PDB file of N, CA and C in Angstrom:
ATOM      1  N   MET A   1     154.443 129.519 137.546  1.00  0.00           N
ATOM      2  CA  MET A   1     155.311 130.493 136.947  1.00  0.00           C
ATOM      3  C   MET A   1     155.521 130.134 135.479  1.00  0.00           C
ATOM      4  N   ASP A   2     155.468 131.115 134.649  1.00  0.00           N
ATOM      5  CA  ASP A   2     155.669 130.901 133.219  1.00  0.00           C
ATOM      6  C   ASP A   2     156.997 131.511 132.789  1.00  0.00           C
ATOM      7  N   TYR A   3     157.851 130.685 132.259  1.00  0.00           N
ATOM      8  CA  TYR A   3     159.164 131.115 131.807  1.00  0.00           C
ATOM      9  C   TYR A   3     159.282 130.938 130.301  1.00  0.00           C
ATOM     10  N   ASP A   4     159.934 131.890 129.652  1.00  0.00           N
ATOM     11  CA  ASP A   4     160.304 131.693 128.260  1.00  0.00           C
ATOM     12  C   ASP A   4     161.398 130.633 128.229  1.00  0.00           C
ATOM     13  N   TYR A   5     161.387 129.830 127.185  1.00  0.00           N
ATOM     14  CA  TYR A   5     162.486 128.887 127.013  1.00  0.00           C
ATOM     15  C   TYR A   5     162.856 128.781 125.546  1.00  0.00           C
ATOM     16  N   LEU A   6     164.065 128.299 125.311  1.00  0.00           N
ATOM     17  CA  LEU A   6     164.572 128.111 123.963  1.00  0.00           C
ATOM     18  C   LEU A   6     164.550 126.624 123.638  1.00  0.00           C
ATOM     19  N   ILE A   7     164.100 126.290 122.449  1.00  0.00           N
ATOM     20  CA  ILE A   7     164.035 124.898 122.023  1.00  0.00           C
ATOM     21  C   ILE A   7     164.587 124.797 120.606  1.00  0.00           C
ATOM     22  N   GLY A   8     165.357 123.729 120.371  1.00  0.00           N
ATOM     23  CA  GLY A   8     165.934 123.546 119.051  1.00  0.00           C
ATOM     24  C   GLY A   8     166.496 122.153 118.878  1.00  0.00           C
ATOM     25  N   PRO A   9     166.965 121.859 117.686  1.00  0.00           N
ATOM     26  CA  PRO A   9     167.483 120.522 117.395  1.00  0.00           C
ATOM     27  C   PRO A   9     168.788 120.239 118.133  1.00  0.00           C
ATOM     28  N   ASP A  10     169.006 118.942 118.414  1.00  0.00           N
ATOM     29  CA  ASP A  10     170.277 118.550 119.017  1.00  0.00           C
ATOM     30  C   ASP A  10     171.054 117.664 118.047  1.00  0.00           C
ATOM     31  N   ALA A  11     172.223 117.244 118.436  1.00  0.00           N
ATOM     32  CA  ALA A  11     173.100 116.469 117.559  1.00  0.00           C
ATOM     33  C   ALA A  11     172.578 115.062 117.278  1.00  0.00           C
ATOM     34  N   ASN A  12     171.648 114.583 118.080  1.00  0.00           N
ATOM     35  CA  ASN A  12     171.118 113.225 117.926  1.00  0.00           C
ATOM     36  C   ASN A  12     169.793 113.182 117.184  1.00  0.00           C
ATOM     37  N   LYS A  13     169.508 114.200 116.411  1.00  0.00           N
ATOM     38  CA  LYS A  13     168.278 114.307 115.618  1.00  0.00           C
ATOM     39  C   LYS A  13     167.022 114.363 116.483  1.00  0.00           C
ATOM     40  N   GLY A  14     167.179 114.859 117.693  1.00  0.00           N
ATOM     41  CA  GLY A  14     166.057 115.125 118.580  1.00  0.00           C
ATOM     42  C   GLY A  14     166.017 116.614 118.863  1.00  0.00           C
ATOM     43  N   TYR A  15     165.501 116.969 120.031  1.00  0.00           N
ATOM     44  CA  TYR A  15     165.395 118.368 120.426  1.00  0.00           C
ATOM     45  C   TYR A  15     165.913 118.543 121.842  1.00  0.00           C
ATOM     46  N   ASN A  16     166.365 119.746 122.148  1.00  0.00           N
ATOM     47  CA  ASN A  16     166.693 120.096 123.518  1.00  0.00           C
ATOM     48  C   ASN A  16     166.136 121.480 123.800  1.00  0.00           C
ATOM     49  N   ALA A  17     165.955 121.745 125.074  1.00  0.00           N
ATOM     50  CA  ALA A  17     165.392 123.029 125.493  1.00  0.00           C
ATOM     51  C   ALA A  17     166.025 123.435 126.815  1.00  0.00           C
ATOM     52  N   TYR A  18     166.062 124.739 127.034  1.00  0.00           N
ATOM     53  CA  TYR A  18     166.568 125.254 128.305  1.00  0.00           C
ATOM     54  C   TYR A  18     165.928 126.598 128.599  1.00  0.00           C
ATOM     55  N   ILE A  19     165.963 126.969 129.882  1.00  0.00           N
ATOM     56  CA  ILE A  19     165.381 128.231 130.335  1.00  0.00           C
ATOM     57  C   ILE A  19     166.510 129.192 130.666  1.00  0.00           C
ATOM     58  N   PRO A  20     166.623 130.295 129.918  1.00  0.00           N
ATOM     59  CA  PRO A  20     167.724 131.237 130.144  1.00  0.00           C
ATOM     60  C   PRO A  20     167.692 131.935 131.514  1.00  0.00           C
ATOM     61  N   ASP A  21     166.534 131.986 132.185  1.00  0.00           N
ATOM     62  CA  ASP A  21     166.442 132.663 133.474  1.00  0.00           C
ATOM     63  C   ASP A  21     167.173 131.926 134.590  1.00  0.00           C
ATOM     64  N   PHE A  22     167.495 130.666 134.377  1.00  0.00           N
ATOM     65  CA  PHE A  22     168.166 129.865 135.391  1.00  0.00           C
ATOM     66  C   PHE A  22     169.633 129.714 135.026  1.00  0.00           C
ATOM     67  N   PRO A  23     170.481 129.410 136.020  1.00  0.00           N
ATOM     68  CA  PRO A  23     171.905 129.199 135.722  1.00  0.00           C
ATOM     69  C   PRO A  23     172.052 128.123 134.642  1.00  0.00           C
ATOM     70  N   PRO A  24     173.132 128.161 133.898  1.00  0.00           N
ATOM     71  CA  PRO A  24     173.327 127.174 132.832  1.00  0.00           C
ATOM     72  C   PRO A  24     173.113 125.744 133.334  1.00  0.00           C
ATOM     73  N   ALA A  25     172.376 125.011 132.564  1.00  0.00           N
ATOM     74  CA  ALA A  25     172.088 123.595 132.816  1.00  0.00           C
ATOM     75  C   ALA A  25     171.209 123.350 134.038  1.00  0.00           C
ATOM     76  N   ALA A  26     170.587 124.378 134.595  1.00  0.00           N
ATOM     77  CA  ALA A  26     169.714 124.167 135.756  1.00  0.00           C
ATOM     78  C   ALA A  26     168.377 123.558 135.360  1.00  0.00           C
ATOM     79  N   VAL A  27     167.808 123.996 134.261  1.00  0.00           N
ATOM     80  CA  VAL A  27     166.544 123.444 133.792  1.00  0.00           C
ATOM     81  C   VAL A  27     166.687 123.162 132.300  1.00  0.00           C
ATOM     82  N   VAL A  28     166.789 121.884 131.976  1.00  0.00           N
ATOM     83  CA  VAL A  28     166.932 121.465 130.589  1.00  0.00           C
ATOM     84  C   VAL A  28     165.998 120.284 130.333  1.00  0.00           C
ATOM     85  N   ALA A  29     165.700 120.057 129.069  1.00  0.00           N
ATOM     86  CA  ALA A  29     164.901 118.904 128.672  1.00  0.00           C
ATOM     87  C   ALA A  29     165.343 118.463 127.289  1.00  0.00           C
ATOM     88  N   VAL A  30     165.215 117.170 127.033  1.00  0.00           N
ATOM     89  CA  VAL A  30     165.515 116.617 125.715  1.00  0.00           C
ATOM     90  C   VAL A  30     164.406 115.653 125.321  1.00  0.00           C
ATOM     91  N   GLY A  31     164.242 115.453 124.026  1.00  0.00           N
ATOM     92  CA  GLY A  31     163.241 114.509 123.544  1.00  0.00           C
ATOM     93  C   GLY A  31     163.430 114.231 122.071  1.00  0.00           C
ATOM     94  N   LYS A  32     162.741 113.202 121.596  1.00  0.00           N
ATOM     95  CA  LYS A  32     162.839 112.840 120.180  1.00  0.00           C
ATOM     96  C   LYS A  32     162.030 113.765 119.296  1.00  0.00           C
ATOM     97  N   THR A  33     160.975 114.372 119.861  1.00  0.00           N
ATOM     98  CA  THR A  33     160.151 115.310 119.099  1.00  0.00           C
ATOM     99  C   THR A  33     160.090 116.632 119.837  1.00  0.00           C
ATOM    100  N   ARG A  34     159.688 117.659 119.107  1.00  0.00           N
ATOM    101  CA  ARG A  34     159.533 118.980 119.730  1.00  0.00           C
ATOM    102  C   ARG A  34     158.470 118.929 120.820  1.00  0.00           C
ATOM    103  N   GLU A  35     157.382 118.228 120.551  1.00  0.00           N
ATOM    104  CA  GLU A  35     156.274 118.132 121.508  1.00  0.00           C
ATOM    105  C   GLU A  35     156.702 117.403 122.779  1.00  0.00           C
ATOM    106  N   ALA A  36     157.444 116.304 122.620  1.00  0.00           N
ATOM    107  CA  ALA A  36     157.922 115.565 123.795  1.00  0.00           C
ATOM    108  C   ALA A  36     158.866 116.424 124.622  1.00  0.00           C
ATOM    109  N   THR A  37     159.706 117.191 123.946  1.00  0.00           N
ATOM    110  CA  THR A  37     160.652 118.056 124.646  1.00  0.00           C
ATOM    111  C   THR A  37     159.910 119.153 125.405  1.00  0.00           C
ATOM    112  N   ALA A  38     158.879 119.731 124.798  1.00  0.00           N
ATOM    113  CA  ALA A  38     158.090 120.769 125.475  1.00  0.00           C
ATOM    114  C   ALA A  38     157.396 120.203 126.710  1.00  0.00           C
ATOM    115  N   THR A  39     156.871 118.990 126.609  1.00  0.00           N
ATOM    116  CA  THR A  39     156.224 118.343 127.763  1.00  0.00           C
ATOM    117  C   THR A  39     157.238 118.101 128.871  1.00  0.00           C
ATOM    118  N   ARG A  40     158.402 117.622 128.502  1.00  0.00           N
ATOM    119  CA  ARG A  40     159.451 117.374 129.496  1.00  0.00           C
ATOM    120  C   ARG A  40     159.947 118.676 130.121  1.00  0.00           C
ATOM    121  N   MET A  41     159.962 119.748 129.330  1.00  0.00           N
ATOM    122  CA  MET A  41     160.375 121.042 129.871  1.00  0.00           C
ATOM    123  C   MET A  41     159.406 121.483 130.971  1.00  0.00           C
ATOM    124  N   ALA A  42     158.121 121.331 130.735  1.00  0.00           N
ATOM    125  CA  ALA A  42     157.132 121.701 131.755  1.00  0.00           C
ATOM    126  C   ALA A  42     157.344 120.876 133.027  1.00  0.00           C
ATOM    127  N   GLN A  43     157.613 119.589 132.871  1.00  0.00           N
ATOM    128  CA  GLN A  43     157.859 118.723 134.027  1.00  0.00           C
ATOM    129  C   GLN A  43     159.150 119.113 134.748  1.00  0.00           C
ATOM    130  N   ALA A  44     160.189 119.411 133.974  1.00  0.00           N
ATOM    131  CA  ALA A  44     161.471 119.800 134.572  1.00  0.00           C
ATOM    132  C   ALA A  44     161.337 121.098 135.359  1.00  0.00           C
ATOM    133  N   MET A  45     160.587 122.054 134.808  1.00  0.00           N
ATOM    134  CA  MET A  45     160.386 123.328 135.508  1.00  0.00           C
ATOM    135  C   MET A  45     159.657 123.102 136.821  1.00  0.00           C
ATOM    136  N   LYS A  46     158.588 122.324 136.784  1.00  0.00           N
ATOM    137  CA  LYS A  46     157.812 122.061 138.002  1.00  0.00           C
ATOM    138  C   LYS A  46     158.699 121.403 139.061  1.00  0.00           C
ATOM    139  N   THR A  47     159.454 120.395 138.663  1.00  0.00           N
ATOM    140  CA  THR A  47     160.320 119.686 139.595  1.00  0.00           C
ATOM    141  C   THR A  47     161.390 120.610 140.165  1.00  0.00           C
ATOM    142  N   THR A  48     161.987 121.431 139.322  1.00  0.00           N
ATOM    143  CA  THR A  48     163.041 122.349 139.772  1.00  0.00           C
ATOM    144  C   THR A  48     162.506 123.372 140.760  1.00  0.00           C
ATOM    145  N   VAL A  49     161.357 123.966 140.452  1.00  0.00           N
ATOM    146  CA  VAL A  49     160.765 124.966 141.354  1.00  0.00           C
ATOM    147  C   VAL A  49     160.405 124.317 142.690  1.00  0.00           C
ATOM    148  N   GLU A  50     159.829 123.129 142.667  1.00  0.00           N
ATOM    149  CA  GLU A  50     159.496 122.432 143.917  1.00  0.00           C
ATOM    150  C   GLU A  50     160.749 122.156 144.739  1.00  0.00           C
ATOM    151  N   PHE A  51     161.812 121.723 144.076  1.00  0.00           N
ATOM    152  CA  PHE A  51     163.064 121.453 144.780  1.00  0.00           C
ATOM    153  C   PHE A  51     163.627 122.724 145.415  1.00  0.00           C
ATOM    154  N   LEU A  52     163.690 123.796 144.637  1.00  0.00           N
ATOM    155  CA  LEU A  52     164.216 125.054 145.171  1.00  0.00           C
ATOM    156  C   LEU A  52     163.411 125.527 146.368  1.00  0.00           C
ATOM    157  N   HIS A  53     162.087 125.451 146.264  1.00  0.00           N
ATOM    158  CA  HIS A  53     161.238 125.842 147.401  1.00  0.00           C
ATOM    159  C   HIS A  53     161.524 124.975 148.626  1.00  0.00           C
ATOM    160  N   SER A  54     161.686 123.676 148.418  1.00  0.00           N
ATOM    161  CA  SER A  54     161.916 122.768 149.550  1.00  0.00           C
ATOM    162  C   SER A  54     163.228 123.050 150.257  1.00  0.00           C
ATOM    163  N   LYS A  55     164.199 123.605 149.538  1.00  0.00           N
ATOM    164  CA  LYS A  55     165.508 123.917 150.124  1.00  0.00           C
ATOM    165  C   LYS A  55     165.627 125.378 150.553  1.00  0.00           C
ATOM    166  N   GLY A  56     164.560 126.148 150.361  1.00  0.00           N
ATOM    167  CA  GLY A  56     164.596 127.558 150.736  1.00  0.00           C
ATOM    168  C   GLY A  56     165.458 128.407 149.814  1.00  0.00           C
ATOM    169  N   ILE A  57     165.665 127.934 148.609  1.00  0.00           N
ATOM    170  CA  ILE A  57     166.485 128.657 147.633  1.00  0.00           C
ATOM    171  C   ILE A  57     165.567 129.543 146.804  1.00  0.00           C
ATOM    172  N   PRO A  58     165.923 130.813 146.620  1.00  0.00           N
ATOM    173  CA  PRO A  58     165.071 131.702 145.829  1.00  0.00           C
ATOM    174  C   PRO A  58     164.926 131.214 144.388  1.00  0.00           C
ATOM    175  N   VAL A  59     163.730 131.346 143.870  1.00  0.00           N
ATOM    176  CA  VAL A  59     163.437 130.980 142.486  1.00  0.00           C
ATOM    177  C   VAL A  59     163.500 132.253 141.645  1.00  0.00           C
ATOM    178  N   PRO A  60     164.277 132.240 140.566  1.00  0.00           N
ATOM    179  CA  PRO A  60     164.345 133.438 139.726  1.00  0.00           C
ATOM    180  C   PRO A  60     162.961 133.822 139.201  1.00  0.00           C
ATOM    181  N   SER A  61     162.684 135.096 139.154  1.00  0.00           N
ATOM    182  CA  SER A  61     161.416 135.567 138.602  1.00  0.00           C
ATOM    183  C   SER A  61     161.424 135.406 137.088  1.00  0.00           C
ATOM    184  N   PRO A  62     160.282 134.996 136.526  1.00  0.00           N
ATOM    185  CA  PRO A  62     160.235 134.905 135.062  1.00  0.00           C
ATOM    186  C   PRO A  62     160.335 136.297 134.446  1.00  0.00           C
ATOM    187  N   ARG A  63     160.982 136.365 133.315  1.00  0.00           N
ATOM    188  CA  ARG A  63     161.065 137.634 132.599  1.00  0.00           C
ATOM    189  C   ARG A  63     161.109 137.331 131.106  1.00  0.00           C
ATOM    190  N   SER A  64     160.767 138.286 130.320  1.00  0.00           N
ATOM    191  CA  SER A  64     160.803 138.092 128.875  1.00  0.00           C
ATOM    192  C   SER A  64     162.251 138.005 128.426  1.00  0.00           C
ATOM    193  N   TYR A  65     162.566 136.993 127.674  1.00  0.00           N
ATOM    194  CA  TYR A  65     163.925 136.788 127.190  1.00  0.00           C
ATOM    195  C   TYR A  65     164.214 137.753 126.055  1.00  0.00           C
ATOM    196  N   ARG A  66     165.317 138.446 126.156  1.00  0.00           N
ATOM    197  CA  ARG A  66     165.682 139.420 125.139  1.00  0.00           C
ATOM    198  C   ARG A  66     167.091 139.171 124.582  1.00  0.00           C
ATOM    199  N   GLY A  67     167.652 138.011 124.909  1.00  0.00           N
ATOM    200  CA  GLY A  67     169.010 137.719 124.458  1.00  0.00           C
ATOM    201  C   GLY A  67     169.051 137.141 123.054  1.00  0.00           C
ATOM    202  N   GLU A  68     170.243 136.802 122.647  1.00  0.00           N
ATOM    203  CA  GLU A  68     170.445 136.227 121.320  1.00  0.00           C
ATOM    204  C   GLU A  68     169.893 134.803 121.288  1.00  0.00           C
ATOM    205  N   ILE A  69     169.235 134.467 120.211  1.00  0.00           N
ATOM    206  CA  ILE A  69     168.679 133.129 120.041  1.00  0.00           C
ATOM    207  C   ILE A  69     169.642 132.337 119.161  1.00  0.00           C
ATOM    208  N   PRO A  70     170.134 131.194 119.685  1.00  0.00           N
ATOM    209  CA  PRO A  70     171.094 130.409 118.902  1.00  0.00           C
ATOM    210  C   PRO A  70     170.491 129.941 117.570  1.00  0.00           C
ATOM    211  N   PRO A  71     171.309 129.740 116.554  1.00  0.00           N
ATOM    212  CA  PRO A  71     170.804 129.267 115.265  1.00  0.00           C
ATOM    213  C   PRO A  71     170.030 127.958 115.417  1.00  0.00           C
ATOM    214  N   GLY A  72     168.888 127.872 114.773  1.00  0.00           N
ATOM    215  CA  GLY A  72     168.062 126.672 114.818  1.00  0.00           C
ATOM    216  C   GLY A  72     167.110 126.604 115.991  1.00  0.00           C
ATOM    217  N   PHE A  73     167.247 127.503 116.940  1.00  0.00           N
ATOM    218  CA  PHE A  73     166.381 127.504 118.114  1.00  0.00           C
ATOM    219  C   PHE A  73     165.247 128.495 117.936  1.00  0.00           C
ATOM    220  N   GLU A  74     164.183 128.314 118.697  1.00  0.00           N
ATOM    221  CA  GLU A  74     163.110 129.290 118.723  1.00  0.00           C
ATOM    222  C   GLU A  74     162.743 129.583 120.173  1.00  0.00           C
ATOM    223  N   LEU A  75     162.232 130.767 120.397  1.00  0.00           N
ATOM    224  CA  LEU A  75     161.815 131.182 121.726  1.00  0.00           C
ATOM    225  C   LEU A  75     160.348 130.796 121.909  1.00  0.00           C
ATOM    226  N   VAL A  76     160.061 130.128 123.021  1.00  0.00           N
ATOM    227  CA  VAL A  76     158.693 129.727 123.343  1.00  0.00           C
ATOM    228  C   VAL A  76     158.286 130.450 124.620  1.00  0.00           C
ATOM    229  N   SER A  77     157.189 131.143 124.580  1.00  0.00           N
ATOM    230  CA  SER A  77     156.648 131.778 125.779  1.00  0.00           C
ATOM    231  C   SER A  77     155.643 130.838 126.404  1.00  0.00           C
ATOM    232  N   ALA A  78     155.975 130.367 127.587  1.00  0.00           N
ATOM    233  CA  ALA A  78     155.104 129.396 128.266  1.00  0.00           C
ATOM    234  C   ALA A  78     154.005 130.084 129.036  1.00  0.00           C
TER     235      ALA A  78
END
């Protein structure tokens, strides 16, 4: 499944990312570089989807994000 996610700088001079299709804080990643954060986001998504499937919890369908993008963040289409 490919989800759009938002990635941007954090207070510790690194980056954080999250997927708006999931409840707040359900799928997040942090890293020292944008590339490391993107890699961790892919891993976090895979782990989250596997967990939800194992518990029989529905996984939200991916959709194009059309909401407001916080300052300093960018939308990444995975």
